[in-house]
Amino acid sequence: MRTALNKVRGLGSAKEGTGHFWKQRITAISNIPLTIGFLLIIFCAMSFNYNQNVELLNSPIVSICMILTILSFTYHMCLGMQTVIEDYIHKELLKISMLILNYLFSFFVMIASLYSILKINFIG
């Protein structure tokens, strides 16, 4: 089950595999402490009422932790889905469409999450 040599000769590498690999690994490693901080914040927030939660999210440390978690999670999600789409979808038009939808979905999840945190932080 090997691709014919004349089919792949001269194509070379995609030149982005190593960078993508390292971005995926770095975000995965950064997600470990961010997840711990995120879970601590969530567990504290579960026992608070609304006003206490607003006060909790008004703390700069908590807000920064939440924002970094959102950024890292959504970027890691986007990279992971990109890998799955590129590896398992073989029709070019469908692959491009799915990649665009992946980027848009990741972007909108990130924006909605950041908006929620920043709105609570600045408006209350």
PDB file of N, CA and C in Angstrom:
ATOM      1  N   MET A   1       0.828  -1.182   0.000  1.00  0.00           N
ATOM      2  CA  MET A   1       0.000   0.000   0.000  1.00  0.00           C
ATOM      3  C   MET A   1       0.876   1.250   0.000  1.00  0.00           C
ATOM      4  N   ARG A   2       1.712   1.385  -1.009  1.00  0.00           N
ATOM      5  CA  ARG A   2       2.567   2.561  -1.112  1.00  0.00           C
ATOM      6  C   ARG A   2       2.152   3.380  -2.318  1.00  0.00           C
ATOM      7  N   THR A   3       2.315   4.682  -2.191  1.00  0.00           N
ATOM      8  CA  THR A   3       2.004   5.580  -3.285  1.00  0.00           C
ATOM      9  C   THR A   3       3.078   5.436  -4.351  1.00  0.00           C
ATOM     10  N   ALA A   4       2.662   5.468  -5.607  1.00  0.00           N
ATOM     11  CA  ALA A   4       3.619   5.354  -6.702  1.00  0.00           C
ATOM     12  C   ALA A   4       4.642   6.483  -6.612  1.00  0.00           C
ATOM     13  N   LEU A   5       5.911   6.125  -6.837  1.00  0.00           N
ATOM     14  CA  LEU A   5       7.001   7.093  -6.705  1.00  0.00           C
ATOM     15  C   LEU A   5       6.826   8.260  -7.663  1.00  0.00           C
ATOM     16  N   ASN A   6       6.387   7.995  -8.879  1.00  0.00           N
ATOM     17  CA  ASN A   6       6.230   9.092  -9.843  1.00  0.00           C
ATOM     18  C   ASN A   6       5.105  10.045  -9.447  1.00  0.00           C
ATOM     19  N   LYS A   7       4.203   9.591  -8.592  1.00  0.00           N
ATOM     20  CA  LYS A   7       3.107  10.441  -8.139  1.00  0.00           C
ATOM     21  C   LYS A   7       3.573  11.455  -7.089  1.00  0.00           C
ATOM     22  N   VAL A   8       4.539  11.077  -6.279  1.00  0.00           N
ATOM     23  CA  VAL A   8       4.983  11.943  -5.186  1.00  0.00           C
ATOM     24  C   VAL A   8       6.317  12.624  -5.451  1.00  0.00           C
ATOM     25  N   ARG A   9       7.011  12.217  -6.479  1.00  0.00           N
ATOM     26  CA  ARG A   9       8.325  12.798  -6.763  1.00  0.00           C
ATOM     27  C   ARG A   9       8.180  14.296  -7.049  1.00  0.00           C
ATOM     28  N   GLY A  10       9.009  15.076  -6.408  1.00  0.00           N
ATOM     29  CA  GLY A  10       9.015  16.507  -6.646  1.00  0.00           C
ATOM     30  C   GLY A  10       8.016  17.292  -5.815  1.00  0.00           C
ATOM     31  N   LEU A  11       7.158  16.610  -5.084  1.00  0.00           N
ATOM     32  CA  LEU A  11       6.186  17.337  -4.279  1.00  0.00           C
ATOM     33  C   LEU A  11       6.832  17.950  -3.038  1.00  0.00           C
ATOM     34  N   GLY A  12       7.795  17.268  -2.460  1.00  0.00           N
ATOM     35  CA  GLY A  12       8.465  17.794  -1.275  1.00  0.00           C
ATOM     36  C   GLY A  12       7.548  17.774  -0.066  1.00  0.00           C
ATOM     37  N   SER A  13       8.036  18.371   1.007  1.00  0.00           N
ATOM     38  CA  SER A  13       7.240  18.413   2.233  1.00  0.00           C
ATOM     39  C   SER A  13       6.316  19.627   2.197  1.00  0.00           C
ATOM     40  N   ALA A  14       5.353  19.619   3.075  1.00  0.00           N
ATOM     41  CA  ALA A  14       4.418  20.743   3.162  1.00  0.00           C
ATOM     42  C   ALA A  14       5.069  21.946   3.839  1.00  0.00           C
ATOM     43  N   LYS A  15       6.190  21.740   4.499  1.00  0.00           N
ATOM     44  CA  LYS A  15       6.992  22.777   5.156  1.00  0.00           C
ATOM     45  C   LYS A  15       6.331  23.376   6.390  1.00  0.00           C
ATOM     46  N   GLU A  16       5.213  22.841   6.831  1.00  0.00           N
ATOM     47  CA  GLU A  16       4.549  23.379   8.014  1.00  0.00           C
ATOM     48  C   GLU A  16       4.339  22.318   9.084  1.00  0.00           C
ATOM     49  N   GLY A  17       4.710  21.098   8.807  1.00  0.00           N
ATOM     50  CA  GLY A  17       4.443  20.006   9.742  1.00  0.00           C
ATOM     51  C   GLY A  17       5.132  20.168  11.075  1.00  0.00           C
ATOM     52  N   THR A  18       6.395  20.568  11.069  1.00  0.00           N
ATOM     53  CA  THR A  18       7.139  20.707  12.317  1.00  0.00           C
ATOM     54  C   THR A  18       6.584  21.837  13.168  1.00  0.00           C
ATOM     55  N   GLY A  19       6.294  22.970  12.547  1.00  0.00           N
ATOM     56  CA  GLY A  19       5.723  24.096  13.287  1.00  0.00           C
ATOM     57  C   GLY A  19       4.382  23.746  13.900  1.00  0.00           C
ATOM     58  N   HIS A  20       3.551  23.061  13.128  1.00  0.00           N
ATOM     59  CA  HIS A  20       2.239  22.641  13.613  1.00  0.00           C
ATOM     60  C   HIS A  20       2.399  21.669  14.780  1.00  0.00           C
ATOM     61  N   PHE A  21       3.344  20.743  14.641  1.00  0.00           N
ATOM     62  CA  PHE A  21       3.617  19.762  15.695  1.00  0.00           C
ATOM     63  C   PHE A  21       3.986  20.464  17.000  1.00  0.00           C
ATOM     64  N   TRP A  22       4.908  21.419  16.917  1.00  0.00           N
ATOM     65  CA  TRP A  22       5.363  22.105  18.130  1.00  0.00           C
ATOM     66  C   TRP A  22       4.283  23.002  18.724  1.00  0.00           C
ATOM     67  N   LYS A  23       3.484  23.649  17.892  1.00  0.00           N
ATOM     68  CA  LYS A  23       2.381  24.464  18.418  1.00  0.00           C
ATOM     69  C   LYS A  23       1.393  23.587  19.179  1.00  0.00           C
ATOM     70  N   GLN A  24       1.110  22.417  18.629  1.00  0.00           N
ATOM     71  CA  GLN A  24       0.184  21.485  19.278  1.00  0.00           C
ATOM     72  C   GLN A  24       0.738  21.034  20.626  1.00  0.00           C
ATOM     73  N   ARG A  25       2.027  20.706  20.672  1.00  0.00           N
ATOM     74  CA  ARG A  25       2.634  20.230  21.916  1.00  0.00           C
ATOM     75  C   ARG A  25       2.749  21.335  22.965  1.00  0.00           C
ATOM     76  N   ILE A  26       3.109  22.536  22.539  1.00  0.00           N
ATOM     77  CA  ILE A  26       3.254  23.645  23.486  1.00  0.00           C
ATOM     78  C   ILE A  26       1.903  24.016  24.091  1.00  0.00           C
ATOM     79  N   THR A  27       0.866  24.064  23.259  1.00  0.00           N
ATOM     80  CA  THR A  27      -0.457  24.374  23.817  1.00  0.00           C
ATOM     81  C   THR A  27      -0.939  23.247  24.725  1.00  0.00           C
ATOM     82  N   ALA A  28      -0.600  22.003  24.389  1.00  0.00           N
ATOM     83  CA  ALA A  28      -0.993  20.880  25.249  1.00  0.00           C
ATOM     84  C   ALA A  28      -0.321  20.993  26.612  1.00  0.00           C
ATOM     85  N   ILE A  29       0.954  21.336  26.623  1.00  0.00           N
ATOM     86  CA  ILE A  29       1.679  21.480  27.890  1.00  0.00           C
ATOM     87  C   ILE A  29       1.155  22.681  28.673  1.00  0.00           C
ATOM     88  N   SER A  30       0.893  23.782  27.985  1.00  0.00           N
ATOM     89  CA  SER A  30       0.380  24.966  28.690  1.00  0.00           C
ATOM     90  C   SER A  30      -1.030  24.728  29.225  1.00  0.00           C
ATOM     91  N   ASN A  31      -1.769  23.817  28.598  1.00  0.00           N
ATOM     92  CA  ASN A  31      -3.125  23.529  29.063  1.00  0.00           C
ATOM     93  C   ASN A  31      -3.147  22.816  30.414  1.00  0.00           C
ATOM     94  N   ILE A  32      -2.051  22.167  30.794  1.00  0.00           N
ATOM     95  CA  ILE A  32      -2.032  21.437  32.074  1.00  0.00           C
ATOM     96  C   ILE A  32      -2.195  22.394  33.261  1.00  0.00           C
ATOM     97  N   PRO A  33      -1.291  23.380  33.447  1.00  0.00           N
ATOM     98  CA  PRO A  33      -1.501  24.289  34.589  1.00  0.00           C
ATOM     99  C   PRO A  33      -2.744  25.169  34.419  1.00  0.00           C
ATOM    100  N   LEU A  34      -3.061  25.526  33.169  1.00  0.00           N
ATOM    101  CA  LEU A  34      -4.248  26.348  32.946  1.00  0.00           C
ATOM    102  C   LEU A  34      -5.522  25.595  33.323  1.00  0.00           C
ATOM    103  N   THR A  35      -5.561  24.303  33.045  1.00  0.00           N
ATOM    104  CA  THR A  35      -6.724  23.492  33.412  1.00  0.00           C
ATOM    105  C   THR A  35      -6.865  23.404  34.925  1.00  0.00           C
ATOM    106  N   ILE A  36      -5.745  23.245  35.616  1.00  0.00           N
ATOM    107  CA  ILE A  36      -5.787  23.187  37.080  1.00  0.00           C
ATOM    108  C   ILE A  36      -6.341  24.500  37.640  1.00  0.00           C
ATOM    109  N   GLY A  37      -5.820  25.622  37.149  1.00  0.00           N
ATOM    110  CA  GLY A  37      -6.326  26.923  37.595  1.00  0.00           C
ATOM    111  C   GLY A  37      -7.790  27.116  37.249  1.00  0.00           C
ATOM    112  N   PHE A  38      -8.166  26.731  36.039  1.00  0.00           N
ATOM    113  CA  PHE A  38      -9.553  26.855  35.589  1.00  0.00           C
ATOM    114  C   PHE A  38     -10.485  26.041  36.480  1.00  0.00           C
ATOM    115  N   LEU A  39     -10.098  24.798  36.780  1.00  0.00           N
ATOM    116  CA  LEU A  39     -10.942  23.946  37.623  1.00  0.00           C
ATOM    117  C   LEU A  39     -11.055  24.493  39.045  1.00  0.00           C
ATOM    118  N   LEU A  40      -9.962  25.029  39.579  1.00  0.00           N
ATOM    119  CA  LEU A  40     -10.024  25.641  40.910  1.00  0.00           C
ATOM    120  C   LEU A  40     -11.009  26.808  40.926  1.00  0.00           C
ATOM    121  N   ILE A  41     -10.954  27.626  39.889  1.00  0.00           N
ATOM    122  CA  ILE A  41     -11.880  28.762  39.796  1.00  0.00           C
ATOM    123  C   ILE A  41     -13.322  28.268  39.692  1.00  0.00           C
ATOM    124  N   ILE A  42     -13.558  27.263  38.865  1.00  0.00           N
ATOM    125  CA  ILE A  42     -14.913  26.727  38.687  1.00  0.00           C
ATOM    126  C   ILE A  42     -15.432  26.119  39.987  1.00  0.00           C
ATOM    127  N   PHE A  43     -14.584  25.348  40.686  1.00  0.00           N
ATOM    128  CA  PHE A  43     -15.024  24.744  41.948  1.00  0.00           C
ATOM    129  C   PHE A  43     -15.338  25.805  43.000  1.00  0.00           C
ATOM    130  N   CYS A  44     -14.555  26.872  43.038  1.00  0.00           N
ATOM    131  CA  CYS A  44     -14.863  27.984  43.957  1.00  0.00           C
ATOM    132  C   CYS A  44     -16.177  28.643  43.559  1.00  0.00           C
ATOM    133  N   ALA A  45     -16.352  28.860  42.272  1.00  0.00           N
ATOM    134  CA  ALA A  45     -17.541  29.564  41.781  1.00  0.00           C
ATOM    135  C   ALA A  45     -18.820  28.765  42.013  1.00  0.00           C
ATOM    136  N   MET A  46     -18.718  27.450  42.083  1.00  0.00           N
ATOM    137  CA  MET A  46     -19.915  26.625  42.265  1.00  0.00           C
ATOM    138  C   MET A  46     -20.596  26.885  43.607  1.00  0.00           C
ATOM    139  N   SER A  47     -19.818  27.269  44.608  1.00  0.00           N
ATOM    140  CA  SER A  47     -20.408  27.492  45.930  1.00  0.00           C
ATOM    141  C   SER A  47     -20.778  28.959  46.163  1.00  0.00           C
ATOM    142  N   PHE A  48     -20.527  29.816  45.182  1.00  0.00           N
ATOM    143  CA  PHE A  48     -20.804  31.249  45.319  1.00  0.00           C
ATOM    144  C   PHE A  48     -22.145  31.597  44.690  1.00  0.00           C
ATOM    145  N   ASN A  49     -22.716  32.713  45.141  1.00  0.00           N
ATOM    146  CA  ASN A  49     -23.894  33.243  44.465  1.00  0.00           C
ATOM    147  C   ASN A  49     -23.431  34.150  43.316  1.00  0.00           C
ATOM    148  N   TYR A  50     -24.385  34.751  42.621  1.00  0.00           N
ATOM    149  CA  TYR A  50     -24.057  35.551  41.433  1.00  0.00           C
ATOM    150  C   TYR A  50     -23.115  36.701  41.760  1.00  0.00           C
ATOM    151  N   ASN A  51     -23.417  37.459  42.800  1.00  0.00           N
ATOM    152  CA  ASN A  51     -22.588  38.620  43.149  1.00  0.00           C
ATOM    153  C   ASN A  51     -21.174  38.210  43.540  1.00  0.00           C
ATOM    154  N   GLN A  52     -21.045  37.096  44.238  1.00  0.00           N
ATOM    155  CA  GLN A  52     -19.716  36.610  44.607  1.00  0.00           C
ATOM    156  C   GLN A  52     -18.938  36.153  43.371  1.00  0.00           C
ATOM    157  N   ASN A  53     -19.640  35.556  42.404  1.00  0.00           N
ATOM    158  CA  ASN A  53     -18.977  35.143  41.164  1.00  0.00           C
ATOM    159  C   ASN A  53     -18.505  36.346  40.361  1.00  0.00           C
ATOM    160  N   VAL A  54     -19.311  37.396  40.320  1.00  0.00           N
ATOM    161  CA  VAL A  54     -18.900  38.621  39.627  1.00  0.00           C
ATOM    162  C   VAL A  54     -17.668  39.198  40.307  1.00  0.00           C
ATOM    163  N   GLU A  55     -17.679  39.206  41.629  1.00  0.00           N
ATOM    164  CA  GLU A  55     -16.529  39.705  42.387  1.00  0.00           C
ATOM    165  C   GLU A  55     -15.290  38.840  42.127  1.00  0.00           C
ATOM    166  N   LEU A  56     -15.491  37.521  42.055  1.00  0.00           N
ATOM    167  CA  LEU A  56     -14.379  36.608  41.761  1.00  0.00           C
ATOM    168  C   LEU A  56     -13.779  36.907  40.393  1.00  0.00           C
ATOM    169  N   LEU A  57     -14.634  37.081  39.385  1.00  0.00           N
ATOM    170  CA  LEU A  57     -14.143  37.336  38.030  1.00  0.00           C
ATOM    171  C   LEU A  57     -13.615  38.753  37.850  1.00  0.00           C
ATOM    172  N   ASN A  58     -13.883  39.642  38.785  1.00  0.00           N
ATOM    173  CA  ASN A  58     -13.311  40.985  38.732  1.00  0.00           C
ATOM    174  C   ASN A  58     -11.865  41.007  39.201  1.00  0.00           C
ATOM    175  N   SER A  59     -11.427  39.922  39.811  1.00  0.00           N
ATOM    176  CA  SER A  59     -10.032  39.822  40.232  1.00  0.00           C
ATOM    177  C   SER A  59      -9.143  39.706  38.993  1.00  0.00           C
ATOM    178  N   PRO A  60      -8.088  40.523  38.902  1.00  0.00           N
ATOM    179  CA  PRO A  60      -7.222  40.467  37.717  1.00  0.00           C
ATOM    180  C   PRO A  60      -6.558  39.104  37.512  1.00  0.00           C
ATOM    181  N   ILE A  61      -6.142  38.460  38.595  1.00  0.00           N
ATOM    182  CA  ILE A  61      -5.480  37.150  38.480  1.00  0.00           C
ATOM    183  C   ILE A  61      -6.449  36.126  37.898  1.00  0.00           C
ATOM    184  N   VAL A  62      -7.669  36.109  38.412  1.00  0.00           N
ATOM    185  CA  VAL A  62      -8.672  35.151  37.943  1.00  0.00           C
ATOM    186  C   VAL A  62      -9.030  35.437  36.487  1.00  0.00           C
ATOM    187  N   SER A  63      -9.226  36.695  36.146  1.00  0.00           N
ATOM    188  CA  SER A  63      -9.573  37.052  34.764  1.00  0.00           C
ATOM    189  C   SER A  63      -8.458  36.679  33.797  1.00  0.00           C
ATOM    190  N   ILE A  64      -7.228  36.963  34.172  1.00  0.00           N
ATOM    191  CA  ILE A  64      -6.094  36.625  33.304  1.00  0.00           C
ATOM    192  C   ILE A  64      -5.985  35.115  33.137  1.00  0.00           C
ATOM    193  N   CYS A  65      -6.171  34.374  34.220  1.00  0.00           N
ATOM    194  CA  CYS A  65      -6.136  32.908  34.130  1.00  0.00           C
ATOM    195  C   CYS A  65      -7.232  32.397  33.196  1.00  0.00           C
ATOM    196  N   MET A  66      -8.428  32.940  33.324  1.00  0.00           N
ATOM    197  CA  MET A  66      -9.538  32.516  32.461  1.00  0.00           C
ATOM    198  C   MET A  66      -9.269  32.879  30.996  1.00  0.00           C
ATOM    199  N   ILE A  67      -8.755  34.075  30.759  1.00  0.00           N
ATOM    200  CA  ILE A  67      -8.479  34.514  29.385  1.00  0.00           C
ATOM    201  C   ILE A  67      -7.388  33.656  28.757  1.00  0.00           C
ATOM    202  N   LEU A  68      -6.306  33.398  29.494  1.00  0.00           N
ATOM    203  CA  LEU A  68      -5.236  32.546  28.965  1.00  0.00           C
ATOM    204  C   LEU A  68      -5.742  31.136  28.689  1.00  0.00           C
ATOM    205  N   THR A  69      -6.603  30.634  29.560  1.00  0.00           N
ATOM    206  CA  THR A  69      -7.179  29.303  29.354  1.00  0.00           C
ATOM    207  C   THR A  69      -8.019  29.267  28.083  1.00  0.00           C
ATOM    208  N   ILE A  70      -8.850  30.265  27.891  1.00  0.00           N
ATOM    209  CA  ILE A  70      -9.693  30.326  26.691  1.00  0.00           C
ATOM    210  C   ILE A  70      -8.830  30.390  25.433  1.00  0.00           C
ATOM    211  N   LEU A  71      -7.819  31.248  25.439  1.00  0.00           N
ATOM    212  CA  LEU A  71      -6.949  31.384  24.268  1.00  0.00           C
ATOM    213  C   LEU A  71      -6.222  30.080  23.960  1.00  0.00           C
ATOM    214  N   SER A  72      -5.659  29.460  24.984  1.00  0.00           N
ATOM    215  CA  SER A  72      -4.910  28.222  24.773  1.00  0.00           C
ATOM    216  C   SER A  72      -5.820  27.077  24.346  1.00  0.00           C
ATOM    217  N   PHE A  73      -6.971  26.934  25.000  1.00  0.00           N
ATOM    218  CA  PHE A  73      -7.903  25.854  24.660  1.00  0.00           C
ATOM    219  C   PHE A  73      -8.416  25.982  23.227  1.00  0.00           C
ATOM    220  N   THR A  74      -8.840  27.178  22.854  1.00  0.00           N
ATOM    221  CA  THR A  74      -9.423  27.327  21.514  1.00  0.00           C
ATOM    222  C   THR A  74      -8.364  27.155  20.426  1.00  0.00           C
ATOM    223  N   TYR A  75      -7.140  27.636  20.669  1.00  0.00           N
ATOM    224  CA  TYR A  75      -6.080  27.455  19.675  1.00  0.00           C
ATOM    225  C   TYR A  75      -5.704  25.981  19.563  1.00  0.00           C
ATOM    226  N   HIS A  76      -5.617  25.296  20.697  1.00  0.00           N
ATOM    227  CA  HIS A  76      -5.304  23.869  20.702  1.00  0.00           C
ATOM    228  C   HIS A  76      -6.412  23.075  20.004  1.00  0.00           C
ATOM    229  N   MET A  77      -7.666  23.453  20.257  1.00  0.00           N
ATOM    230  CA  MET A  77      -8.802  22.807  19.608  1.00  0.00           C
ATOM    231  C   MET A  77      -8.728  22.982  18.090  1.00  0.00           C
ATOM    232  N   CYS A  78      -8.425  24.195  17.657  1.00  0.00           N
ATOM    233  CA  CYS A  78      -8.344  24.486  16.228  1.00  0.00           C
ATOM    234  C   CYS A  78      -7.234  23.669  15.566  1.00  0.00           C
ATOM    235  N   LEU A  79      -6.069  23.598  16.218  1.00  0.00           N
ATOM    236  CA  LEU A  79      -4.956  22.822  15.669  1.00  0.00           C
ATOM    237  C   LEU A  79      -5.297  21.336  15.591  1.00  0.00           C
ATOM    238  N   GLY A  80      -5.927  20.815  16.632  1.00  0.00           N
ATOM    239  CA  GLY A  80      -6.287  19.398  16.645  1.00  0.00           C
ATOM    240  C   GLY A  80      -7.297  19.047  15.573  1.00  0.00           C
ATOM    241  N   MET A  81      -8.321  19.876  15.431  1.00  0.00           N
ATOM    242  CA  MET A  81      -9.322  19.612  14.401  1.00  0.00           C
ATOM    243  C   MET A  81      -8.735  19.770  13.002  1.00  0.00           C
ATOM    244  N   GLN A  82      -7.805  20.702  12.845  1.00  0.00           N
ATOM    245  CA  GLN A  82      -7.137  20.866  11.554  1.00  0.00           C
ATOM    246  C   GLN A  82      -6.411  19.579  11.172  1.00  0.00           C
ATOM    247  N   THR A  83      -5.725  18.970  12.131  1.00  0.00           N
ATOM    248  CA  THR A  83      -5.013  17.720  11.869  1.00  0.00           C
ATOM    249  C   THR A  83      -5.980  16.618  11.469  1.00  0.00           C
ATOM    250  N   VAL A  84      -7.083  16.495  12.190  1.00  0.00           N
ATOM    251  CA  VAL A  84      -8.073  15.461  11.875  1.00  0.00           C
ATOM    252  C   VAL A  84      -8.650  15.685  10.479  1.00  0.00           C
ATOM    253  N   ILE A  85      -8.996  16.920  10.165  1.00  0.00           N
ATOM    254  CA  ILE A  85      -9.581  17.231   8.855  1.00  0.00           C
ATOM    255  C   ILE A  85      -8.584  16.932   7.739  1.00  0.00           C
ATOM    256  N   GLU A  86      -7.342  17.372   7.903  1.00  0.00           N
ATOM    257  CA  GLU A  86      -6.338  17.156   6.852  1.00  0.00           C
ATOM    258  C   GLU A  86      -6.009  15.684   6.663  1.00  0.00           C
ATOM    259  N   ASP A  87      -6.055  14.906   7.739  1.00  0.00           N
ATOM    260  CA  ASP A  87      -5.690  13.495   7.644  1.00  0.00           C
ATOM    261  C   ASP A  87      -6.821  12.604   7.140  1.00  0.00           C
ATOM    262  N   TYR A  88      -8.065  12.948   7.430  1.00  0.00           N
ATOM    263  CA  TYR A  88      -9.150  12.012   7.170  1.00  0.00           C
ATOM    264  C   TYR A  88     -10.181  12.462   6.146  1.00  0.00           C
ATOM    265  N   ILE A  89     -10.109  13.684   5.685  1.00  0.00           N
ATOM    266  CA  ILE A  89     -11.027  14.127   4.632  1.00  0.00           C
ATOM    267  C   ILE A  89     -10.218  14.248   3.348  1.00  0.00           C
ATOM    268  N   HIS A  90     -10.595  13.480   2.344  1.00  0.00           N
ATOM    269  CA  HIS A  90      -9.771  13.364   1.146  1.00  0.00           C
ATOM    270  C   HIS A  90     -10.284  14.175  -0.038  1.00  0.00           C
ATOM    271  N   LYS A  91     -11.537  14.552  -0.038  1.00  0.00           N
ATOM    272  CA  LYS A  91     -12.052  15.381  -1.130  1.00  0.00           C
ATOM    273  C   LYS A  91     -11.646  16.822  -0.876  1.00  0.00           C
ATOM    274  N   GLU A  92     -10.956  17.409  -1.840  1.00  0.00           N
ATOM    275  CA  GLU A  92     -10.315  18.709  -1.642  1.00  0.00           C
ATOM    276  C   GLU A  92     -11.303  19.823  -1.299  1.00  0.00           C
ATOM    277  N   LEU A  93     -12.413  19.896  -1.994  1.00  0.00           N
ATOM    278  CA  LEU A  93     -13.392  20.952  -1.731  1.00  0.00           C
ATOM    279  C   LEU A  93     -13.986  20.812  -0.329  1.00  0.00           C
ATOM    280  N   LEU A  94     -14.311  19.591   0.051  1.00  0.00           N
ATOM    281  CA  LEU A  94     -14.846  19.344   1.388  1.00  0.00           C
ATOM    282  C   LEU A  94     -13.797  19.660   2.451  1.00  0.00           C
ATOM    283  N   LYS A  95     -12.550  19.293   2.177  1.00  0.00           N
ATOM    284  CA  LYS A  95     -11.468  19.560   3.126  1.00  0.00           C
ATOM    285  C   LYS A  95     -11.295  21.060   3.353  1.00  0.00           C
ATOM    286  N   ILE A  96     -11.276  21.822   2.284  1.00  0.00           N
ATOM    287  CA  ILE A  96     -11.117  23.277   2.398  1.00  0.00           C
ATOM    288  C   ILE A  96     -12.311  23.881   3.134  1.00  0.00           C
ATOM    289  N   SER A  97     -13.509  23.414   2.802  1.00  0.00           N
ATOM    290  CA  SER A  97     -14.714  23.915   3.479  1.00  0.00           C
ATOM    291  C   SER A  97     -14.674  23.619   4.970  1.00  0.00           C
ATOM    292  N   MET A  98     -14.283  22.409   5.320  1.00  0.00           N
ATOM    293  CA  MET A  98     -14.215  22.025   6.726  1.00  0.00           C
ATOM    294  C   MET A  98     -13.131  22.807   7.468  1.00  0.00           C
ATOM    295  N   LEU A  99     -12.007  23.067   6.820  1.00  0.00           N
ATOM    296  CA  LEU A  99     -10.948  23.863   7.451  1.00  0.00           C
ATOM    297  C   LEU A  99     -11.424  25.288   7.720  1.00  0.00           C
ATOM    298  N   ILE A 100     -12.128  25.864   6.761  1.00  0.00           N
ATOM    299  CA  ILE A 100     -12.666  27.218   6.955  1.00  0.00           C
ATOM    300  C   ILE A 100     -13.673  27.225   8.102  1.00  0.00           C
ATOM    301  N   LEU A 101     -14.575  26.239   8.126  1.00  0.00           N
ATOM    302  CA  LEU A 101     -15.550  26.151   9.217  1.00  0.00           C
ATOM    303  C   LEU A 101     -14.863  25.938  10.564  1.00  0.00           C
ATOM    304  N   ASN A 102     -13.793  25.154  10.571  1.00  0.00           N
ATOM    305  CA  ASN A 102     -13.028  24.934  11.798  1.00  0.00           C
ATOM    306  C   ASN A 102     -12.456  26.238  12.325  1.00  0.00           C
ATOM    307  N   TYR A 103     -11.841  27.027  11.443  1.00  0.00           N
ATOM    308  CA  TYR A 103     -11.265  28.309  11.860  1.00  0.00           C
ATOM    309  C   TYR A 103     -12.351  29.258  12.359  1.00  0.00           C
ATOM    310  N   LEU A 104     -13.460  29.316  11.637  1.00  0.00           N
ATOM    311  CA  LEU A 104     -14.552  30.206  12.036  1.00  0.00           C
ATOM    312  C   LEU A 104     -15.161  29.789  13.372  1.00  0.00           C
ATOM    313  N   PHE A 105     -15.403  28.491  13.530  1.00  0.00           N
ATOM    314  CA  PHE A 105     -15.979  27.999  14.783  1.00  0.00           C
ATOM    315  C   PHE A 105     -15.050  28.298  15.956  1.00  0.00           C
ATOM    316  N   SER A 106     -13.766  28.006  15.794  1.00  0.00           N
ATOM    317  CA  SER A 106     -12.794  28.267  16.862  1.00  0.00           C
ATOM    318  C   SER A 106     -12.739  29.747  17.194  1.00  0.00           C
ATOM    319  N   PHE A 107     -12.765  30.581  16.165  1.00  0.00           N
ATOM    320  CA  PHE A 107     -12.713  32.025  16.367  1.00  0.00           C
ATOM    321  C   PHE A 107     -13.939  32.517  17.125  1.00  0.00           C
ATOM    322  N   PHE A 108     -15.129  32.061  16.726  1.00  0.00           N
ATOM    323  CA  PHE A 108     -16.351  32.519  17.381  1.00  0.00           C
ATOM    324  C   PHE A 108     -16.467  32.006  18.814  1.00  0.00           C
ATOM    325  N   VAL A 109     -16.010  30.782  19.074  1.00  0.00           N
ATOM    326  CA  VAL A 109     -15.993  30.277  20.450  1.00  0.00           C
ATOM    327  C   VAL A 109     -15.065  31.136  21.297  1.00  0.00           C
ATOM    328  N   MET A 110     -13.891  31.464  20.749  1.00  0.00           N
ATOM    329  CA  MET A 110     -12.935  32.297  21.475  1.00  0.00           C
ATOM    330  C   MET A 110     -13.514  33.684  21.747  1.00  0.00           C
ATOM    331  N   ILE A 111     -14.084  34.313  20.728  1.00  0.00           N
ATOM    332  CA  ILE A 111     -14.630  35.665  20.880  1.00  0.00           C
ATOM    333  C   ILE A 111     -15.786  35.682  21.882  1.00  0.00           C
ATOM    334  N   ALA A 112     -16.699  34.723  21.792  1.00  0.00           N
ATOM    335  CA  ALA A 112     -17.838  34.678  22.718  1.00  0.00           C
ATOM    336  C   ALA A 112     -17.367  34.472  24.156  1.00  0.00           C
ATOM    337  N   SER A 113     -16.390  33.605  24.341  1.00  0.00           N
ATOM    338  CA  SER A 113     -15.872  33.343  25.686  1.00  0.00           C
ATOM    339  C   SER A 113     -15.149  34.558  26.244  1.00  0.00           C
ATOM    340  N   LEU A 114     -14.297  35.174  25.426  1.00  0.00           N
ATOM    341  CA  LEU A 114     -13.574  36.366  25.878  1.00  0.00           C
ATOM    342  C   LEU A 114     -14.536  37.511  26.171  1.00  0.00           C
ATOM    343  N   TYR A 115     -15.535  37.678  25.327  1.00  0.00           N
ATOM    344  CA  TYR A 115     -16.537  38.724  25.548  1.00  0.00           C
ATOM    345  C   TYR A 115     -17.227  38.535  26.901  1.00  0.00           C
ATOM    346  N   SER A 116     -17.577  37.296  27.213  1.00  0.00           N
ATOM    347  CA  SER A 116     -18.259  37.020  28.482  1.00  0.00           C
ATOM    348  C   SER A 116     -17.381  37.383  29.674  1.00  0.00           C
ATOM    349  N   ILE A 117     -16.133  36.975  29.632  1.00  0.00           N
ATOM    350  CA  ILE A 117     -15.215  37.267  30.740  1.00  0.00           C
ATOM    351  C   ILE A 117     -14.978  38.768  30.852  1.00  0.00           C
ATOM    352  N   LEU A 118     -14.707  39.412  29.731  1.00  0.00           N
ATOM    353  CA  LEU A 118     -14.411  40.848  29.763  1.00  0.00           C
ATOM    354  C   LEU A 118     -15.632  41.675  30.158  1.00  0.00           C
ATOM    355  N   LYS A 119     -16.813  41.246  29.730  1.00  0.00           N
ATOM    356  CA  LYS A 119     -18.032  41.970  30.106  1.00  0.00           C
ATOM    357  C   LYS A 119     -18.236  41.913  31.612  1.00  0.00           C
ATOM    358  N   ILE A 120     -18.078  40.732  32.187  1.00  0.00           N
ATOM    359  CA  ILE A 120     -18.216  40.602  33.639  1.00  0.00           C
ATOM    360  C   ILE A 120     -17.131  41.413  34.342  1.00  0.00           C
ATOM    361  N   ASN A 121     -15.921  41.379  33.786  1.00  0.00           N
ATOM    362  CA  ASN A 121     -14.801  42.067  34.421  1.00  0.00           C
ATOM    363  C   ASN A 121     -14.970  43.578  34.402  1.00  0.00           C
ATOM    364  N   PHE A 122     -15.423  44.135  33.286  1.00  0.00           N
ATOM    365  CA  PHE A 122     -15.487  45.589  33.169  1.00  0.00           C
ATOM    366  C   PHE A 122     -16.848  46.183  33.528  1.00  0.00           C
ATOM    367  N   ILE A 123     -17.921  45.444  33.268  1.00  0.00           N
ATOM    368  CA  ILE A 123     -19.262  45.978  33.514  1.00  0.00           C
ATOM    369  C   ILE A 123     -19.844  45.442  34.822  1.00  0.00           C
ATOM    370  N   GLY A 124     -19.611  44.158  35.065  1.00  0.00           N
ATOM    371  CA  GLY A 124     -20.094  43.590  36.324  1.00  0.00           C
ATOM    372  C   GLY A 124     -21.293  42.737  36.191  1.00  0.00           C
TER     373      GLY A 124
END
